[in-house]
Protein backbone atom coordinates (compact mmCIF):
# COMPACT_ATOMS: atom_id res chain seq x y z
CA MET A 1 -0.57 20.78 -0.37
CA PRO A 2 -0.49 23.01 -3.63
CA GLU A 3 -3.16 21.96 -6.18
CA ASP A 4 -0.65 21.16 -8.88
CA THR A 5 1.04 18.50 -6.84
CA PHE A 6 -1.32 15.78 -8.23
CA GLU A 7 -0.20 16.51 -11.75
CA LYS A 8 3.38 16.73 -10.74
CA VAL A 9 3.64 13.57 -8.83
CA VAL A 10 1.64 11.63 -11.51
CA SER A 11 4.10 12.86 -14.15
CA LEU A 12 7.07 11.94 -11.92
CA ALA A 13 5.66 8.50 -11.34
CA LYS A 14 5.52 7.79 -15.00
CA ARG A 15 8.73 9.50 -16.00
CA ARG A 16 11.04 7.88 -13.29
CA GLY A 17 9.43 4.41 -13.37
CA PHE A 18 7.02 4.32 -10.38
CA VAL A 19 3.80 3.64 -12.15
CA TYR A 20 2.75 2.93 -15.65
CA PRO A 21 -0.65 2.72 -17.25
CA SER A 22 -1.27 -1.04 -17.66
CA SER A 23 -1.62 -2.31 -21.25
CA GLU A 24 -0.50 1.14 -22.60
CA LEU A 25 1.06 -0.42 -25.61
CA TYR A 26 -2.76 -1.11 -26.71
CA GLY A 27 -4.27 2.04 -25.39
CA GLY A 28 -4.51 1.00 -21.63
CA LEU A 29 -7.17 -0.30 -19.54
CA SER A 30 -9.04 1.82 -17.19
CA GLY A 31 -8.40 1.07 -13.58
CA PHE A 32 -5.41 -1.08 -14.01
CA TRP A 33 -1.90 -0.06 -13.22
CA ASP A 34 1.59 -1.55 -13.63
CA PHE A 35 4.27 -0.65 -10.90
CA GLY A 36 7.79 -0.14 -12.53
CA PRO A 37 11.37 -0.76 -11.16
CA LEU A 38 10.98 1.93 -8.58
CA GLY A 39 7.36 1.50 -7.96
CA VAL A 40 7.60 -2.13 -7.06
CA GLU A 41 10.51 -1.55 -4.58
CA LEU A 42 8.46 1.21 -2.85
CA LYS A 43 5.35 -0.98 -2.69
CA ASN A 44 7.53 -3.91 -1.30
CA ASN A 45 9.01 -1.68 1.37
CA ILE A 46 5.55 -0.53 2.42
CA LYS A 47 4.21 -4.15 2.70
CA ARG A 48 7.38 -5.08 4.52
CA ALA A 49 7.08 -2.20 7.10
CA TRP A 50 3.34 -3.07 7.68
CA TRP A 51 4.22 -6.90 7.98
CA GLU A 52 7.04 -5.99 10.39
CA ARG A 53 4.75 -4.02 12.49
CA MET A 54 1.68 -6.16 12.35
CA VAL A 55 3.14 -9.65 12.47
CA TRP A 56 6.75 -10.01 13.06
CA LYS A 57 6.80 -7.73 16.24
CA ARG A 58 3.85 -9.58 17.95
CA GLU A 59 3.75 -12.85 19.36
CA ASN A 60 0.01 -13.32 19.08
CA VAL A 61 -0.36 -12.51 15.12
CA VAL A 62 0.29 -15.02 12.49
CA GLY A 63 0.17 -14.72 8.58
CA LEU A 64 -1.58 -16.25 5.80
CA ASP A 65 -1.54 -16.12 1.97
CA SER A 66 -5.13 -17.45 0.71
CA ALA A 67 -6.08 -18.28 -2.97
CA ILE A 68 -7.58 -15.48 -5.07
CA ILE A 69 -10.68 -17.67 -6.09
CA TYR A 70 -12.68 -19.48 -3.36
CA ASN A 71 -15.75 -21.51 -3.58
CA PRO A 72 -18.66 -19.42 -4.34
CA LYS A 73 -20.53 -20.59 -1.34
CA VAL A 74 -17.99 -18.39 0.69
CA TRP A 75 -19.53 -15.15 -0.81
CA GLU A 76 -23.03 -16.30 -0.45
CA ALA A 77 -22.42 -17.05 3.30
CA SER A 78 -20.49 -13.74 3.75
CA GLY A 79 -23.21 -11.78 1.98
CA HIS A 80 -21.24 -10.26 -0.67
CA THR A 81 -23.25 -11.59 -3.33
CA LYS A 82 -26.14 -9.77 -2.08
CA PHE A 83 -24.58 -6.76 -0.46
CA MET A 84 -21.37 -5.94 -2.51
CA THR A 85 -23.30 -3.43 -4.70
CA ASP A 86 -23.07 0.31 -5.61
CA LEU A 87 -25.88 2.17 -7.18
CA LEU A 88 -25.13 2.87 -10.80
CA VAL A 89 -26.55 5.58 -12.87
CA GLU A 90 -26.27 6.50 -16.59
CA CYS A 91 -26.17 9.93 -18.22
CA LYS A 92 -28.95 9.85 -20.79
CA ASN A 93 -27.05 12.42 -23.19
CA CYS A 94 -23.57 10.91 -23.23
CA HIS A 95 -24.42 7.21 -21.99
CA GLN A 96 -21.37 7.44 -19.42
CA ARG A 97 -22.05 5.46 -16.35
CA PHE A 98 -21.32 6.41 -12.74
CA ARG A 99 -21.57 5.69 -9.08
CA ALA A 100 -24.64 7.64 -8.03
CA ASP A 101 -22.81 8.62 -4.72
CA HIS A 102 -19.97 10.04 -6.69
CA LEU A 103 -21.98 12.57 -8.55
CA GLU A 104 -22.02 16.19 -7.60
CA GLY A 105 -25.19 17.29 -9.61
CA SER A 106 -24.05 17.17 -13.23
CA CYS A 107 -22.31 14.63 -15.50
CA PRO A 108 -18.60 15.00 -15.20
CA ASN A 109 -18.23 14.09 -18.82
CA CYS A 110 -20.96 16.25 -20.73
CA LYS A 111 -22.06 18.47 -17.81
CA LYS A 112 -25.72 17.47 -18.60
CA LYS A 113 -28.30 16.74 -15.57
CA ASP A 114 -30.42 13.98 -17.00
CA PHE A 115 -29.78 10.44 -15.36
CA THR A 116 -31.35 7.21 -15.35
CA GLU A 117 -32.88 6.03 -11.99
CA PRO A 118 -30.14 4.45 -9.67
CA ARG A 119 -29.70 0.71 -10.11
CA PRO A 120 -27.80 -1.85 -8.06
CA PHE A 121 -24.62 -3.10 -9.67
CA ASN A 122 -22.41 -5.99 -7.86
CA VAL A 123 -18.89 -5.04 -8.24
CA MET A 124 -17.61 -8.59 -7.86
CA PHE A 125 -15.72 -9.73 -10.92
CA LYS A 126 -17.06 -13.01 -12.40
CA THR A 127 -15.08 -15.79 -13.54
CA TYR A 128 -15.52 -19.65 -14.44
CA VAL A 129 -13.56 -22.55 -13.04
CA GLY A 130 -13.37 -25.60 -15.36
CA PRO A 131 -13.55 -26.27 -19.28
CA ILE A 132 -17.26 -24.90 -19.63
CA GLU A 133 -18.76 -21.50 -18.77
CA SER A 134 -21.71 -22.67 -16.88
CA ALA A 135 -23.65 -21.80 -13.80
CA GLU A 136 -21.89 -24.80 -12.15
CA GLY A 137 -18.42 -23.27 -12.72
CA LEU A 138 -19.35 -19.79 -11.90
CA ALA A 139 -16.94 -18.09 -9.29
CA TYR A 140 -15.65 -14.61 -8.40
CA LEU A 141 -12.31 -12.93 -8.03
CA ARG A 142 -12.25 -12.21 -4.25
CA PRO A 143 -13.31 -8.44 -3.51
CA GLU A 144 -11.45 -8.55 -0.18
CA THR A 145 -8.87 -10.69 1.48
CA ALA A 146 -10.61 -10.97 4.82
CA GLN A 147 -12.81 -14.16 3.77
CA GLY A 148 -9.66 -16.07 3.08
CA ILE A 149 -8.86 -15.46 6.80
CA PHE A 150 -12.16 -16.48 8.01
CA ILE A 151 -12.48 -19.68 6.14
CA ASN A 152 -8.97 -20.76 7.49
CA PHE A 153 -9.98 -19.69 10.90
CA GLU A 154 -10.13 -23.43 12.32
CA ASN A 155 -7.17 -24.69 10.24
CA ILE A 156 -4.83 -21.83 11.82
CA ILE A 157 -6.15 -22.19 15.37
CA LYS A 158 -5.44 -26.08 15.39
CA THR A 159 -2.04 -25.62 13.76
CA ASN A 160 -0.84 -22.89 15.94
CA ARG A 161 -2.78 -23.30 19.18
CA LEU A 162 -3.66 -19.48 19.38
CA LYS A 163 -5.53 -18.14 22.28
CA LEU A 164 -7.62 -15.04 22.54
CA PRO A 165 -6.95 -12.37 21.60
CA PHE A 166 -4.99 -13.09 18.57
CA GLY A 167 -4.70 -11.85 14.90
CA ILE A 168 -4.37 -13.40 11.39
CA ALA A 169 -2.66 -10.91 8.81
CA GLN A 170 -2.68 -11.16 5.02
CA VAL A 171 -1.37 -9.19 2.01
CA GLY A 172 -2.83 -10.08 -1.24
CA LYS A 173 -4.64 -9.06 -4.36
CA ALA A 174 -8.35 -8.01 -4.38
CA PHE A 175 -10.49 -7.08 -7.38
CA ARG A 176 -13.67 -4.82 -7.59
CA ASN A 177 -15.41 -4.04 -10.81
CA GLU A 178 -15.56 -0.32 -9.85
CA ILE A 179 -18.24 1.60 -11.79
CA THR A 180 -16.07 4.71 -11.96
CA THR A 181 -12.31 4.72 -11.49
CA GLY A 182 -9.96 7.74 -11.20
CA ASN A 183 -7.51 9.96 -9.31
CA PHE A 184 -4.45 7.89 -10.52
CA VAL A 185 -4.23 4.90 -8.60
CA PHE A 186 -6.44 5.93 -5.82
CA ARG A 187 -9.55 3.95 -7.12
CA SER A 188 -8.48 0.90 -9.35
CA ARG A 189 -10.30 -2.20 -10.14
CA GLU A 190 -7.09 -4.55 -9.16
CA PHE A 191 -5.29 -3.55 -5.96
CA GLU A 192 -3.62 -5.14 -2.99
CA GLN A 193 -4.91 -5.22 0.53
CA MET A 194 -3.03 -5.37 3.90
CA GLU A 195 -5.58 -6.72 6.44
CA LEU A 196 -5.66 -7.98 9.88
CA GLU A 197 -8.36 -9.76 11.46
CA TRP A 198 -8.09 -9.33 15.31
CA PHE A 199 -10.02 -11.84 17.18
CA CYS A 200 -11.14 -10.98 20.68
CA ARG A 201 -13.94 -11.69 23.28
CA PRO A 202 -17.07 -9.47 22.67
CA ALA A 203 -16.85 -7.57 25.84
CA GLU A 204 -13.26 -6.40 24.83
CA ALA A 205 -14.00 -5.36 21.29
CA ASP A 206 -14.45 -1.73 21.90
CA LYS A 207 -11.21 -1.54 23.79
CA TRP A 208 -9.38 -3.29 21.06
CA PHE A 209 -11.00 -1.10 18.29
CA LYS A 210 -9.53 2.00 20.14
CA TYR A 211 -6.19 0.31 20.59
CA TRP A 212 -5.76 -0.22 16.82
CA GLN A 213 -7.07 3.13 15.96
CA LYS A 214 -4.18 4.60 17.96
CA ASP A 215 -1.65 1.92 16.73
CA ARG A 216 -2.28 2.53 13.05
CA LEU A 217 -2.13 6.22 13.23
CA SER A 218 1.33 6.05 15.06
CA TRP A 219 2.60 3.73 12.19
CA TYR A 220 2.05 6.46 9.62
CA SER A 221 3.71 8.88 11.98
CA GLU A 222 6.77 6.77 12.34
CA LEU A 223 7.13 6.54 8.48
CA GLY A 224 7.04 10.33 8.21
CA MET A 225 3.74 11.11 7.17
CA GLY A 226 2.51 14.55 8.35
CA LYS A 227 -0.03 14.48 11.05
CA LYS A 228 -1.79 17.38 9.76
CA SER A 229 -2.51 15.41 6.61
CA LEU A 230 -4.35 12.63 8.59
CA HIS A 231 -7.52 12.49 10.58
CA PHE A 232 -10.38 9.95 11.55
CA ARG A 233 -13.73 10.00 10.07
CA GLU A 234 -16.69 7.80 11.23
CA HIS A 235 -18.75 6.07 8.67
CA GLU A 236 -22.39 7.20 8.29
CA ASP A 237 -24.99 4.34 8.77
CA LYS A 238 -25.82 4.66 4.93
CA GLU A 239 -22.07 3.88 4.09
CA ARG A 240 -21.07 1.39 6.59
CA ALA A 241 -20.32 -2.28 5.11
CA HIS A 242 -23.06 -4.79 5.66
CA TYR A 243 -20.58 -6.69 8.22
CA ALA A 244 -19.63 -3.62 10.38
CA VAL A 245 -21.33 -2.29 13.65
CA THR A 246 -18.66 0.60 13.93
CA ALA A 247 -16.27 1.80 11.08
CA PHE A 248 -13.89 4.72 11.07
CA ASP A 249 -11.51 5.75 8.15
CA ILE A 250 -8.02 7.12 8.63
CA GLU A 251 -8.24 9.69 5.72
CA TYR A 252 -5.59 11.47 3.99
CA GLN A 253 -5.77 15.14 2.66
CA PHE A 254 -5.17 14.41 -1.02
CA PRO A 255 -5.05 17.16 -3.43
CA TRP A 256 -8.64 16.97 -4.18
CA GLY A 257 -9.78 16.59 -0.58
CA TRP A 258 -9.98 14.15 2.18
CA GLY A 259 -10.11 10.56 1.24
CA GLU A 260 -9.83 7.03 2.68
CA LEU A 261 -6.50 5.70 3.39
CA GLU A 262 -7.29 2.85 5.89
CA GLY A 263 -10.53 1.33 7.30
CA ILE A 264 -10.87 0.25 10.78
CA ALA A 265 -14.01 -1.72 11.33
CA ASN A 266 -15.62 -3.59 14.21
CA ARG A 267 -16.87 -6.68 12.18
CA SER A 268 -18.55 -7.95 15.51
CA ASP A 269 -19.01 -11.84 15.07
CA TYR A 270 -20.75 -11.43 11.78
CA ASP A 271 -18.27 -13.30 9.55
CA LEU A 272 -17.66 -16.27 11.83
CA LYS A 273 -21.39 -16.66 12.56
CA ALA A 274 -21.97 -16.59 8.65
CA HIS A 275 -19.54 -19.39 8.22
CA GLY A 276 -20.65 -21.35 11.33
CA LEU A 277 -17.35 -21.12 12.99
CA LYS A 278 -16.39 -20.59 16.73
CA TYR A 279 -13.41 -20.68 18.96
CA LYS A 280 -12.79 -23.32 21.40
CA ASP A 281 -10.17 -23.16 24.26
CA GLU A 282 -8.61 -26.66 24.37
CA GLU A 283 -7.53 -26.32 27.95
CA SER A 284 -10.61 -24.86 29.48
CA GLY A 285 -13.18 -26.11 27.08
CA GLU A 286 -14.56 -22.70 26.98
CA GLU A 287 -16.45 -22.02 23.57
CA LEU A 288 -17.54 -18.75 21.93
CA ILE A 289 -17.78 -16.72 18.88
CA PRO A 290 -15.26 -13.95 18.98
CA TYR A 291 -15.71 -10.49 17.73
CA VAL A 292 -13.33 -9.29 14.96
CA VAL A 293 -11.74 -5.72 14.78
CA GLU A 294 -10.27 -5.23 11.27
CA PRO A 295 -7.68 -2.57 10.16
CA SER A 296 -7.46 -2.83 6.31
CA VAL A 297 -5.51 -0.48 3.86
CA GLY A 298 -4.90 -0.63 0.26
CA VAL A 299 -1.23 -0.83 -0.82
CA GLU A 300 -1.49 1.28 -4.26
CA ARG A 301 -3.63 4.19 -2.51
CA LEU A 302 -1.10 4.08 0.43
CA THR A 303 2.00 4.10 -2.00
CA PHE A 304 0.45 7.16 -3.87
CA ALA A 305 -0.15 9.04 -0.52
CA PHE A 306 3.32 8.54 0.57
CA LEU A 307 4.59 9.89 -2.73
CA LEU A 308 2.40 13.02 -2.45
CA ASP A 309 3.53 13.42 1.14
CA ALA A 310 7.17 13.13 0.39
CA TYR A 311 7.09 15.40 -2.71
CA ASP A 312 9.03 18.76 -2.24
CA ASP A 313 9.97 21.11 -5.14
CA SER A 314 10.35 24.27 -2.79
CA GLU A 315 13.83 24.61 -4.05
CA LYS A 316 14.37 26.07 -7.47
CA ASN A 317 15.38 23.50 -10.19
CA ARG A 318 15.38 20.65 -7.41
CA VAL A 319 12.77 18.14 -6.71
CA VAL A 320 13.18 15.91 -3.60
CA LEU A 321 11.11 12.92 -2.63
CA LYS A 322 11.69 13.02 1.07
CA LEU A 323 10.55 9.38 1.74
CA ASN A 324 11.37 7.68 4.90
CA PRO A 325 14.53 5.81 4.23
CA ARG A 326 13.03 2.55 5.27
CA LEU A 327 10.46 3.08 2.16
CA ALA A 328 12.96 4.53 -0.28
CA PRO A 329 13.38 2.32 -3.38
CA TYR A 330 17.29 2.62 -3.19
CA LYS A 331 18.84 3.36 0.13
CA VAL A 332 22.28 4.35 -1.42
CA ALA A 333 23.61 5.52 -4.77
CA VAL A 334 27.24 5.13 -5.63
CA PHE A 335 29.10 6.86 -8.36
CA PRO A 336 32.69 8.03 -9.21
CA LEU A 337 33.37 11.88 -9.33
CA VAL A 338 33.90 11.97 -12.88
CA ALA A 339 33.38 9.04 -15.47
CA ASN A 340 36.42 9.25 -17.43
CA LYS A 341 39.11 8.15 -14.86
CA PRO A 342 39.41 4.36 -14.89
CA GLU A 343 40.95 4.40 -11.52
CA LEU A 344 37.96 6.03 -9.89
CA ILE A 345 35.52 4.03 -11.71
CA LYS A 346 37.25 0.80 -10.63
CA LYS A 347 37.44 1.79 -6.94
CA ALA A 348 33.80 3.03 -7.23
CA ARG A 349 32.71 -0.36 -8.62
CA GLU A 350 34.41 -2.13 -5.79
CA ILE A 351 32.53 0.05 -3.09
CA TYR A 352 29.25 -0.48 -5.06
CA LEU A 353 29.60 -4.22 -4.89
CA GLN A 354 30.64 -4.09 -1.18
CA ILE A 355 27.31 -2.50 -0.34
CA ALA A 356 25.21 -4.36 -2.77
CA THR A 357 26.38 -8.00 -2.19
CA ASN A 358 26.38 -7.68 1.77
CA ASN A 359 23.88 -9.70 3.87
CA LEU A 360 22.19 -6.67 5.11
CA LEU A 361 20.21 -6.29 1.68
CA LEU A 362 20.55 -2.59 1.10
CA PRO A 363 19.31 -1.68 -2.33
CA VAL A 364 22.07 0.37 -4.11
CA ALA A 365 22.02 2.30 -7.26
CA TRP A 366 24.99 2.79 -9.64
CA ASP A 367 25.32 5.83 -11.80
CA ALA A 368 28.39 7.16 -13.75
CA ARG A 369 26.43 9.47 -16.33
CA GLY A 370 26.80 13.30 -16.58
CA ASN A 371 28.17 15.55 -14.14
CA ILE A 372 28.07 14.82 -10.35
CA GLY A 373 25.50 17.66 -9.65
CA LYS A 374 22.89 16.25 -12.14
CA ARG A 375 23.45 12.61 -10.52
CA TYR A 376 22.79 14.20 -6.96
CA TYR A 377 19.51 15.69 -8.15
CA ALA A 378 18.42 12.51 -10.02
CA GLN A 379 18.66 10.58 -6.85
CA ASP A 380 16.90 13.37 -4.84
CA GLU A 381 14.14 12.95 -7.26
CA ILE A 382 13.49 9.32 -6.59
CA GLY A 383 14.15 9.36 -2.82
CA THR A 384 17.50 7.92 -2.52
CA PRO A 385 18.58 9.01 1.26
CA TRP A 386 22.35 8.86 0.60
CA CYS A 387 24.88 9.19 -2.24
CA VAL A 388 28.37 7.99 -1.96
CA THR A 389 30.90 9.67 -4.19
CA ILE A 390 34.37 8.05 -4.87
CA ASP A 391 36.95 10.91 -5.59
CA TYR A 392 40.68 11.34 -5.64
CA GLN A 393 40.89 11.39 -1.85
CA THR A 394 39.34 8.08 -1.63
CA LEU A 395 42.36 6.69 -3.35
CA GLU A 396 44.72 8.30 -0.78
CA ASP A 397 42.94 7.71 2.52
CA GLY A 398 40.09 5.26 1.65
CA THR A 399 37.34 7.66 2.61
CA VAL A 400 34.33 8.73 0.54
CA THR A 401 32.02 11.56 0.44
CA VAL A 402 28.53 10.61 1.84
CA ARG A 403 25.78 13.17 0.90
CA ASP A 404 22.55 13.41 2.76
CA ARG A 405 19.30 13.69 0.62
CA ASP A 406 17.35 16.13 2.81
CA THR A 407 20.04 18.41 3.99
CA THR A 408 22.62 18.15 1.09
CA LYS A 409 25.43 18.13 3.75
CA GLN A 410 28.27 15.93 3.07
CA GLU A 411 30.82 14.20 5.22
CA ARG A 412 33.85 11.88 4.88
CA ILE A 413 33.49 8.21 5.87
CA LYS A 414 35.84 5.47 5.77
CA THR A 415 34.73 2.75 3.30
CA GLY A 416 35.07 0.09 5.96
CA GLU A 417 32.63 1.86 8.04
CA LEU A 418 29.70 2.63 5.29
CA LEU A 419 27.65 -0.57 6.12
CA ILE A 420 27.58 0.38 9.89
CA TYR A 421 26.78 3.96 8.94
CA PHE A 422 23.81 3.24 6.75
CA THR A 423 22.38 0.41 9.16
CA SER A 424 22.51 2.98 11.99
CA LYS A 425 20.60 5.48 10.03
CA LEU A 426 18.00 2.97 9.07
CA SER A 427 17.39 1.38 12.65
């Protein structure tokens, strides 16, 4: 990946409405981002693809949407109030603060090498529940979604009669008061997680750990992410989370180097023991504390990786986001050949509505600005896989031109066959 791809993608993200700095009107707020019209579609498509793979296509996985704020005793039992810490250092010259493990010798701000001694800093955001800010009302914004699954473990088993092995999946917001943010949305203070907690018998934990490593890697490949851009890295003892006995990252080769995309951890029986929970088979009466294997990925970080991986400016004066069609914000763009012929505009609007209002829910864009070439290139830049052009031949024989984003090849398709054509491409 060329070194300048980072700057190009960040620029495109702002210019075309994928990602905006949050609170930009008032100078922004470090570590927080807003996803614009195209960004929210891309994020939702990624979450949908993950949910399809992890929940809808498995008979032994169910979903959950838990609250963002839990009883603070949850975090005491889980160990987060004790272990959810990073080592903070402060530059004695410019007084900027950094995570000690992110420094490479000198201060990134002033280049000096004079720092305070590292001290622990808990990254959980504090808040208060109730009308008075007191110790009794102290609570935390959740730093992970996993604990919501664990504290609902017995409820879900009772209401769904699940048998080992089984999984509980959740997509939701998490918050970490990171000492150092940066690299665009890679490290943020507010983010979404897609997590699966897979409960299994302790003797089968290693088998399932390897299964999820293979399965998760194949998901990235199916969505078009280059295999050469991904690899596994095992956590060193000093970096492994307090609950994990084994942990690997799926890393992506970002422009600045390899970085975590998804974590896969064997959490053993740590969490269920911490909350005093166990599994009981209602038929056999067997009781045990399952082990948990957890694949966990951040949505914003993953969205950025897909943008980087799809970005292609190898052709002169043409930028293409070669996103997998399942992820593309718009699947189809519709426009008349020229914008000053009422009969073409009327027919183009009919076809636009035909696609936009069907029950297959194909997001479709409308564009009648400028010349046809500029419209094609504008859709290429945001990743739209197919462009439908209504021309004079359409008025004669009911066919339209369908242009493919990646090859730029065009073919004539009957208007009545468009929905079948696009859904076959997306299947």
